Amino acid sequence: MVADAAAGIASLRSLGTGATQAAAGNDVRLSDARPPTAHTHTAAQISDSTVIGRSVLTAADAAAARTAIGAGTSNLVLGATGTTAAAGNHTHAGLLTGSATAVNNSTATDVPGLVADFNNLLAALRARGIITGA
């Protein structure tokens, strides 16, 4: 498409040698372009819309749009049991909270020394609630 701003004409031209005009009558006056008009279709007139989609389109505000798609409307229950979700500020009263008993690296040079160091590690893990058993 070649535009002649002085004449106010846009012409379709072939890309071949000579760049001749593609066909008579293909000139479009730039002044003929129409400004966009207001959209007058209702949400219900959109043929492939769903009830939810129409509800989002016609929502009065963001809260109504979230309600339309079910965002923020779950039956999530916050709590501290196995059937509830923990809140963002939740702290667990047992496992991995607070400071732990220090367990140094083993310096044992024999099997009884390794056994004693290993048992100390197990005792510290049990005290923290990480493992159970005796």
N, C-alpha and C. Protein backbone atom coordinates (compact mmCIF):
# COMPACT_ATOMS: atom_id res chain seq x y z
N MET A 1 0.85 -1.16 0.00
CA MET A 1 0.00 0.00 0.00
C MET A 1 0.90 1.23 0.00
N VAL A 2 0.62 2.13 -0.91
CA VAL A 2 1.40 3.36 -1.02
C VAL A 2 0.50 4.52 -0.70
N ALA A 3 0.92 5.41 0.18
CA ALA A 3 0.09 6.55 0.56
C ALA A 3 0.62 7.82 -0.07
N ASP A 4 -0.31 8.62 -0.61
CA ASP A 4 0.03 9.94 -1.14
C ASP A 4 -0.68 10.94 -0.25
N ALA A 5 0.04 11.41 0.79
CA ALA A 5 -0.57 12.28 1.78
C ALA A 5 -1.06 13.58 1.17
N ALA A 6 -0.34 14.09 0.16
CA ALA A 6 -0.75 15.36 -0.45
C ALA A 6 -2.10 15.22 -1.13
N ALA A 7 -2.32 14.09 -1.79
CA ALA A 7 -3.60 13.88 -2.48
C ALA A 7 -4.64 13.27 -1.56
N GLY A 8 -4.19 12.79 -0.38
CA GLY A 8 -5.12 12.15 0.55
C GLY A 8 -5.59 10.80 0.05
N ILE A 9 -4.71 10.07 -0.67
CA ILE A 9 -5.11 8.80 -1.28
C ILE A 9 -4.13 7.71 -0.87
N ALA A 10 -4.65 6.53 -0.56
CA ALA A 10 -3.83 5.36 -0.34
C ALA A 10 -4.13 4.40 -1.47
N SER A 11 -3.10 3.93 -2.18
CA SER A 11 -3.30 3.05 -3.32
C SER A 11 -2.68 1.69 -3.07
N LEU A 12 -3.32 0.64 -3.58
CA LEU A 12 -2.75 -0.70 -3.57
C LEU A 12 -1.90 -0.82 -4.81
N ARG A 13 -0.65 -1.20 -4.68
CA ARG A 13 0.23 -1.34 -5.84
C ARG A 13 0.92 -2.69 -5.76
N SER A 14 1.20 -3.27 -6.90
CA SER A 14 1.89 -4.56 -6.91
C SER A 14 3.34 -4.34 -6.55
N LEU A 15 3.99 -5.38 -6.11
CA LEU A 15 5.39 -5.30 -5.73
C LEU A 15 6.31 -5.66 -6.89
N GLY A 16 5.75 -5.96 -8.05
CA GLY A 16 6.55 -6.33 -9.22
C GLY A 16 7.29 -5.13 -9.77
N THR A 17 8.10 -5.38 -10.80
CA THR A 17 8.84 -4.28 -11.41
C THR A 17 7.87 -3.28 -12.01
N GLY A 18 8.20 -2.04 -11.84
CA GLY A 18 7.35 -0.97 -12.34
C GLY A 18 6.34 -0.51 -11.32
N ALA A 19 6.06 -1.29 -10.32
CA ALA A 19 5.12 -0.95 -9.25
C ALA A 19 3.86 -0.31 -9.80
N THR A 20 3.19 -1.03 -10.65
CA THR A 20 1.96 -0.52 -11.24
C THR A 20 0.79 -0.67 -10.29
N GLN A 21 -0.22 0.14 -10.49
CA GLN A 21 -1.40 0.07 -9.63
C GLN A 21 -2.09 -1.26 -9.86
N ALA A 22 -2.50 -1.93 -8.78
CA ALA A 22 -3.06 -3.27 -8.87
C ALA A 22 -4.33 -3.29 -9.70
N ALA A 23 -5.23 -2.41 -9.47
CA ALA A 23 -6.48 -2.39 -10.23
C ALA A 23 -7.12 -1.03 -10.06
N ALA A 24 -7.86 -0.64 -11.06
CA ALA A 24 -8.54 0.65 -10.98
C ALA A 24 -9.59 0.60 -9.89
N GLY A 25 -9.80 1.72 -9.23
CA GLY A 25 -10.84 1.78 -8.20
C GLY A 25 -10.37 1.33 -6.84
N ASN A 26 -9.07 1.02 -6.66
CA ASN A 26 -8.56 0.56 -5.37
C ASN A 26 -8.03 1.69 -4.51
N ASP A 27 -8.21 2.95 -4.98
CA ASP A 27 -7.77 4.08 -4.18
C ASP A 27 -8.77 4.33 -3.06
N VAL A 28 -8.27 4.59 -1.87
CA VAL A 28 -9.11 4.88 -0.72
C VAL A 28 -8.68 6.23 -0.19
N ARG A 29 -9.59 7.16 -0.11
CA ARG A 29 -9.26 8.49 0.41
C ARG A 29 -9.05 8.38 1.92
N LEU A 30 -7.91 8.89 2.41
CA LEU A 30 -7.63 8.85 3.83
C LEU A 30 -8.67 9.62 4.62
N SER A 31 -9.27 10.63 4.00
CA SER A 31 -10.28 11.43 4.68
C SER A 31 -11.60 10.66 4.83
N ASP A 32 -11.71 9.49 4.14
CA ASP A 32 -12.93 8.68 4.23
C ASP A 32 -12.96 7.81 5.48
N ALA A 33 -11.83 7.71 6.17
CA ALA A 33 -11.79 6.86 7.36
C ALA A 33 -12.75 7.40 8.41
N ARG A 34 -13.49 6.48 9.03
CA ARG A 34 -14.47 6.88 10.04
C ARG A 34 -13.88 6.71 11.43
N PRO A 35 -14.22 7.61 12.34
CA PRO A 35 -13.77 7.42 13.72
C PRO A 35 -14.51 6.24 14.34
N PRO A 36 -13.93 5.59 15.30
CA PRO A 36 -14.62 4.46 15.93
C PRO A 36 -15.92 4.92 16.58
N THR A 37 -16.90 4.04 16.52
CA THR A 37 -18.19 4.36 17.13
C THR A 37 -18.31 3.62 18.45
N ALA A 38 -19.23 4.05 19.26
CA ALA A 38 -19.46 3.41 20.56
C ALA A 38 -19.97 2.00 20.34
N HIS A 39 -19.55 1.09 21.17
CA HIS A 39 -19.99 -0.30 21.10
C HIS A 39 -21.37 -0.39 21.75
N THR A 40 -22.34 -0.88 21.03
CA THR A 40 -23.70 -0.88 21.54
C THR A 40 -24.27 -2.26 21.83
N HIS A 41 -23.45 -3.29 21.71
CA HIS A 41 -23.96 -4.63 21.99
C HIS A 41 -23.97 -4.88 23.50
N THR A 42 -24.95 -5.58 23.97
CA THR A 42 -24.99 -5.94 25.38
C THR A 42 -24.21 -7.24 25.58
N ALA A 43 -23.85 -7.53 26.80
CA ALA A 43 -23.13 -8.77 27.10
C ALA A 43 -23.93 -9.98 26.67
N ALA A 44 -25.24 -9.94 26.78
CA ALA A 44 -26.11 -11.06 26.40
C ALA A 44 -26.10 -11.30 24.90
N GLN A 45 -25.71 -10.29 24.11
CA GLN A 45 -25.69 -10.43 22.66
C GLN A 45 -24.40 -11.06 22.13
N ILE A 46 -23.45 -11.32 23.00
CA ILE A 46 -22.21 -11.98 22.57
C ILE A 46 -22.53 -13.46 22.46
N SER A 47 -22.52 -13.97 21.23
CA SER A 47 -23.05 -15.30 20.95
C SER A 47 -22.35 -16.43 21.69
N ASP A 48 -21.06 -16.32 21.91
CA ASP A 48 -20.36 -17.43 22.58
C ASP A 48 -20.01 -17.12 24.02
N SER A 49 -20.72 -16.18 24.63
CA SER A 49 -20.44 -15.84 26.02
C SER A 49 -21.11 -16.84 26.97
N THR A 50 -20.55 -16.93 28.15
CA THR A 50 -21.12 -17.79 29.18
C THR A 50 -21.76 -16.91 30.25
N VAL A 51 -22.50 -17.52 31.13
CA VAL A 51 -23.11 -16.77 32.23
C VAL A 51 -22.04 -16.09 33.06
N ILE A 52 -20.97 -16.82 33.34
CA ILE A 52 -19.87 -16.25 34.15
C ILE A 52 -19.21 -15.11 33.39
N GLY A 53 -18.92 -15.29 32.11
CA GLY A 53 -18.30 -14.24 31.31
C GLY A 53 -19.15 -12.99 31.27
N ARG A 54 -20.45 -13.15 31.11
CA ARG A 54 -21.35 -11.98 31.09
C ARG A 54 -21.37 -11.30 32.46
N SER A 55 -21.28 -12.09 33.52
CA SER A 55 -21.26 -11.51 34.87
C SER A 55 -19.99 -10.68 35.08
N VAL A 56 -18.86 -11.16 34.56
CA VAL A 56 -17.62 -10.39 34.68
C VAL A 56 -17.72 -9.10 33.87
N LEU A 57 -18.28 -9.20 32.65
CA LEU A 57 -18.41 -8.01 31.80
C LEU A 57 -19.31 -6.94 32.42
N THR A 58 -20.30 -7.37 33.14
CA THR A 58 -21.26 -6.41 33.68
C THR A 58 -21.05 -6.12 35.17
N ALA A 59 -19.97 -6.64 35.75
CA ALA A 59 -19.71 -6.42 37.17
C ALA A 59 -19.53 -4.93 37.44
N ALA A 60 -20.11 -4.47 38.52
CA ALA A 60 -20.03 -3.05 38.89
C ALA A 60 -18.65 -2.66 39.41
N ASP A 61 -17.93 -3.62 39.98
CA ASP A 61 -16.61 -3.31 40.52
C ASP A 61 -15.79 -4.60 40.61
N ALA A 62 -14.54 -4.47 41.06
CA ALA A 62 -13.64 -5.62 41.13
C ALA A 62 -14.16 -6.71 42.07
N ALA A 63 -14.77 -6.30 43.17
CA ALA A 63 -15.31 -7.30 44.12
C ALA A 63 -16.39 -8.13 43.45
N ALA A 64 -17.25 -7.49 42.67
CA ALA A 64 -18.32 -8.22 41.98
C ALA A 64 -17.74 -9.15 40.91
N ALA A 65 -16.66 -8.73 40.24
CA ALA A 65 -16.01 -9.59 39.25
C ALA A 65 -15.39 -10.81 39.92
N ARG A 66 -14.75 -10.61 41.09
CA ARG A 66 -14.17 -11.75 41.82
C ARG A 66 -15.27 -12.71 42.25
N THR A 67 -16.39 -12.18 42.70
CA THR A 67 -17.51 -13.03 43.09
C THR A 67 -18.01 -13.82 41.90
N ALA A 68 -18.06 -13.19 40.73
CA ALA A 68 -18.55 -13.86 39.51
C ALA A 68 -17.71 -15.07 39.16
N ILE A 69 -16.39 -14.98 39.37
CA ILE A 69 -15.51 -16.11 39.02
C ILE A 69 -15.22 -17.01 40.21
N GLY A 70 -15.78 -16.68 41.36
CA GLY A 70 -15.60 -17.51 42.54
C GLY A 70 -14.28 -17.28 43.26
N ALA A 71 -13.61 -16.18 42.97
CA ALA A 71 -12.34 -15.89 43.65
C ALA A 71 -12.63 -15.33 45.04
N GLY A 72 -12.00 -15.88 46.03
CA GLY A 72 -12.19 -15.39 47.39
C GLY A 72 -13.49 -15.85 48.02
N THR A 73 -14.12 -16.86 47.41
CA THR A 73 -15.40 -17.31 47.95
C THR A 73 -15.36 -18.78 48.36
N SER A 74 -14.17 -19.30 48.63
CA SER A 74 -14.06 -20.71 48.98
C SER A 74 -14.52 -20.95 50.42
N ASN A 75 -14.64 -22.19 50.77
CA ASN A 75 -15.03 -22.55 52.14
C ASN A 75 -13.79 -22.92 52.96
N LEU A 76 -12.66 -22.31 52.65
CA LEU A 76 -11.42 -22.54 53.36
C LEU A 76 -11.57 -22.15 54.82
N VAL A 77 -11.16 -23.06 55.69
CA VAL A 77 -11.24 -22.79 57.13
C VAL A 77 -9.81 -22.72 57.67
N LEU A 78 -9.49 -21.60 58.31
CA LEU A 78 -8.17 -21.46 58.92
C LEU A 78 -8.18 -22.08 60.31
N GLY A 79 -7.07 -22.68 60.67
CA GLY A 79 -6.97 -23.29 62.00
C GLY A 79 -5.63 -23.95 62.18
N ALA A 80 -5.55 -24.86 63.12
CA ALA A 80 -4.29 -25.54 63.42
C ALA A 80 -4.47 -27.04 63.49
N THR A 81 -5.46 -27.57 62.78
CA THR A 81 -5.68 -29.02 62.79
C THR A 81 -5.33 -29.60 61.43
N GLY A 82 -5.42 -30.90 61.31
CA GLY A 82 -5.11 -31.56 60.06
C GLY A 82 -6.12 -31.30 58.96
N THR A 83 -7.29 -30.76 59.28
CA THR A 83 -8.32 -30.51 58.28
C THR A 83 -8.52 -29.03 58.00
N THR A 84 -7.64 -28.18 58.53
CA THR A 84 -7.75 -26.74 58.31
C THR A 84 -6.44 -26.21 57.74
N ALA A 85 -6.50 -25.02 57.21
CA ALA A 85 -5.31 -24.39 56.65
C ALA A 85 -4.70 -23.44 57.68
N ALA A 86 -3.39 -23.33 57.67
CA ALA A 86 -2.71 -22.43 58.59
C ALA A 86 -2.71 -21.02 58.02
N ALA A 87 -2.95 -20.04 58.86
CA ALA A 87 -2.89 -18.64 58.45
C ALA A 87 -1.45 -18.26 58.17
N GLY A 88 -1.26 -17.17 57.44
CA GLY A 88 0.08 -16.72 57.09
C GLY A 88 0.93 -16.37 58.29
N ASN A 89 0.32 -15.99 59.40
CA ASN A 89 1.09 -15.63 60.59
C ASN A 89 1.14 -16.79 61.59
N HIS A 90 0.81 -17.99 61.14
CA HIS A 90 0.77 -19.17 61.99
C HIS A 90 2.18 -19.60 62.42
N THR A 91 2.32 -19.93 63.66
CA THR A 91 3.57 -20.54 64.15
C THR A 91 3.22 -21.89 64.74
N HIS A 92 4.04 -22.86 64.46
CA HIS A 92 3.80 -24.22 64.95
C HIS A 92 4.43 -24.34 66.33
N ALA A 93 3.71 -24.89 67.26
CA ALA A 93 4.17 -24.93 68.65
C ALA A 93 5.08 -26.11 68.96
N GLY A 94 5.59 -26.80 67.97
CA GLY A 94 6.43 -27.95 68.30
C GLY A 94 7.60 -28.08 67.35
N LEU A 95 7.39 -28.78 66.33
CA LEU A 95 8.43 -29.15 65.39
C LEU A 95 9.17 -27.94 64.82
N LEU A 96 10.47 -27.94 64.97
CA LEU A 96 11.38 -26.96 64.37
C LEU A 96 11.12 -25.52 64.80
N THR A 97 10.72 -25.31 66.01
CA THR A 97 10.61 -23.94 66.53
C THR A 97 11.61 -23.77 67.65
N GLY A 98 12.03 -22.56 67.87
CA GLY A 98 12.99 -22.30 68.94
C GLY A 98 14.37 -22.81 68.59
N SER A 99 15.23 -22.85 69.58
CA SER A 99 16.59 -23.31 69.33
C SER A 99 16.72 -24.78 69.72
N ALA A 100 17.59 -25.45 69.05
CA ALA A 100 17.80 -26.88 69.29
C ALA A 100 19.05 -27.09 70.13
N THR A 101 19.10 -28.23 70.75
CA THR A 101 20.30 -28.61 71.49
C THR A 101 21.44 -28.77 70.50
N ALA A 102 22.57 -28.20 70.81
CA ALA A 102 23.73 -28.31 69.92
C ALA A 102 24.26 -29.73 69.95
N VAL A 103 24.57 -30.25 68.80
CA VAL A 103 25.18 -31.57 68.68
C VAL A 103 26.46 -31.37 67.88
N ASN A 104 27.57 -31.56 68.53
CA ASN A 104 28.87 -31.34 67.88
C ASN A 104 29.20 -32.49 66.94
N ASN A 105 30.11 -32.21 66.01
CA ASN A 105 30.62 -33.27 65.13
C ASN A 105 31.31 -34.33 65.98
N SER A 106 31.22 -35.55 65.54
CA SER A 106 31.85 -36.65 66.26
C SER A 106 33.37 -36.58 66.13
N THR A 107 33.99 -36.83 67.24
CA THR A 107 35.46 -36.93 67.24
C THR A 107 35.87 -38.33 67.71
N ALA A 108 34.90 -39.23 67.68
CA ALA A 108 35.14 -40.60 68.17
C ALA A 108 36.22 -41.28 67.34
N THR A 109 36.98 -42.12 68.04
CA THR A 109 38.05 -42.87 67.37
C THR A 109 37.81 -44.37 67.41
N ASP A 110 36.68 -44.75 68.02
CA ASP A 110 36.35 -46.18 68.08
C ASP A 110 34.84 -46.34 67.96
N VAL A 111 34.41 -47.58 67.82
CA VAL A 111 32.98 -47.87 67.63
C VAL A 111 32.15 -47.46 68.85
N PRO A 112 32.53 -47.72 70.07
CA PRO A 112 31.72 -47.27 71.20
C PRO A 112 31.57 -45.75 71.23
N GLY A 113 32.61 -45.02 70.84
CA GLY A 113 32.52 -43.57 70.79
C GLY A 113 31.54 -43.11 69.72
N LEU A 114 31.56 -43.75 68.53
CA LEU A 114 30.60 -43.44 67.46
C LEU A 114 29.18 -43.74 67.90
N VAL A 115 28.99 -44.86 68.59
CA VAL A 115 27.65 -45.22 69.07
C VAL A 115 27.15 -44.16 70.04
N ALA A 116 27.99 -43.70 70.93
CA ALA A 116 27.59 -42.70 71.91
C ALA A 116 27.23 -41.38 71.21
N ASP A 117 28.05 -40.95 70.23
CA ASP A 117 27.76 -39.71 69.50
C ASP A 117 26.46 -39.83 68.70
N PHE A 118 26.26 -40.98 68.08
CA PHE A 118 25.05 -41.21 67.29
C PHE A 118 23.82 -41.19 68.20
N ASN A 119 23.91 -41.81 69.37
CA ASN A 119 22.78 -41.81 70.31
C ASN A 119 22.49 -40.40 70.83
N ASN A 120 23.52 -39.58 71.00
CA ASN A 120 23.30 -38.18 71.39
C ASN A 120 22.53 -37.43 70.30
N LEU A 121 22.90 -37.69 69.05
CA LEU A 121 22.18 -37.06 67.93
C LEU A 121 20.72 -37.52 67.91
N LEU A 122 20.47 -38.79 68.08
CA LEU A 122 19.10 -39.30 68.11
C LEU A 122 18.30 -38.67 69.25
N ALA A 123 18.92 -38.54 70.41
CA ALA A 123 18.24 -37.94 71.56
C ALA A 123 17.86 -36.48 71.26
N ALA A 124 18.75 -35.73 70.60
CA ALA A 124 18.45 -34.34 70.25
C ALA A 124 17.30 -34.27 69.25
N LEU A 125 17.28 -35.19 68.28
CA LEU A 125 16.19 -35.22 67.30
C LEU A 125 14.86 -35.58 67.96
N ARG A 126 14.88 -36.48 68.90
CA ARG A 126 13.65 -36.85 69.62
C ARG A 126 13.15 -35.68 70.46
N ALA A 127 14.10 -34.98 71.11
CA ALA A 127 13.71 -33.84 71.96
C ALA A 127 13.04 -32.75 71.13
N ARG A 128 13.43 -32.62 69.88
CA ARG A 128 12.84 -31.62 68.98
C ARG A 128 11.55 -32.10 68.34
N GLY A 129 11.21 -33.38 68.55
CA GLY A 129 9.98 -33.91 67.95
C GLY A 129 10.14 -34.29 66.50
N ILE A 130 11.38 -34.37 66.03
CA ILE A 130 11.62 -34.72 64.62
C ILE A 130 11.46 -36.21 64.40
N ILE A 131 11.87 -36.99 65.35
CA ILE A 131 11.69 -38.44 65.28
C ILE A 131 11.12 -38.92 66.60
N THR A 132 10.61 -40.13 66.58
CA THR A 132 10.12 -40.76 67.81
C THR A 132 10.83 -42.10 67.97
N GLY A 133 10.58 -42.74 69.03
CA GLY A 133 11.17 -44.05 69.27
C GLY A 133 12.12 -44.00 70.46
N ALA A 134 12.63 -45.17 70.77
CA ALA A 134 13.52 -45.26 71.93
C ALA A 134 14.80 -45.93 71.56
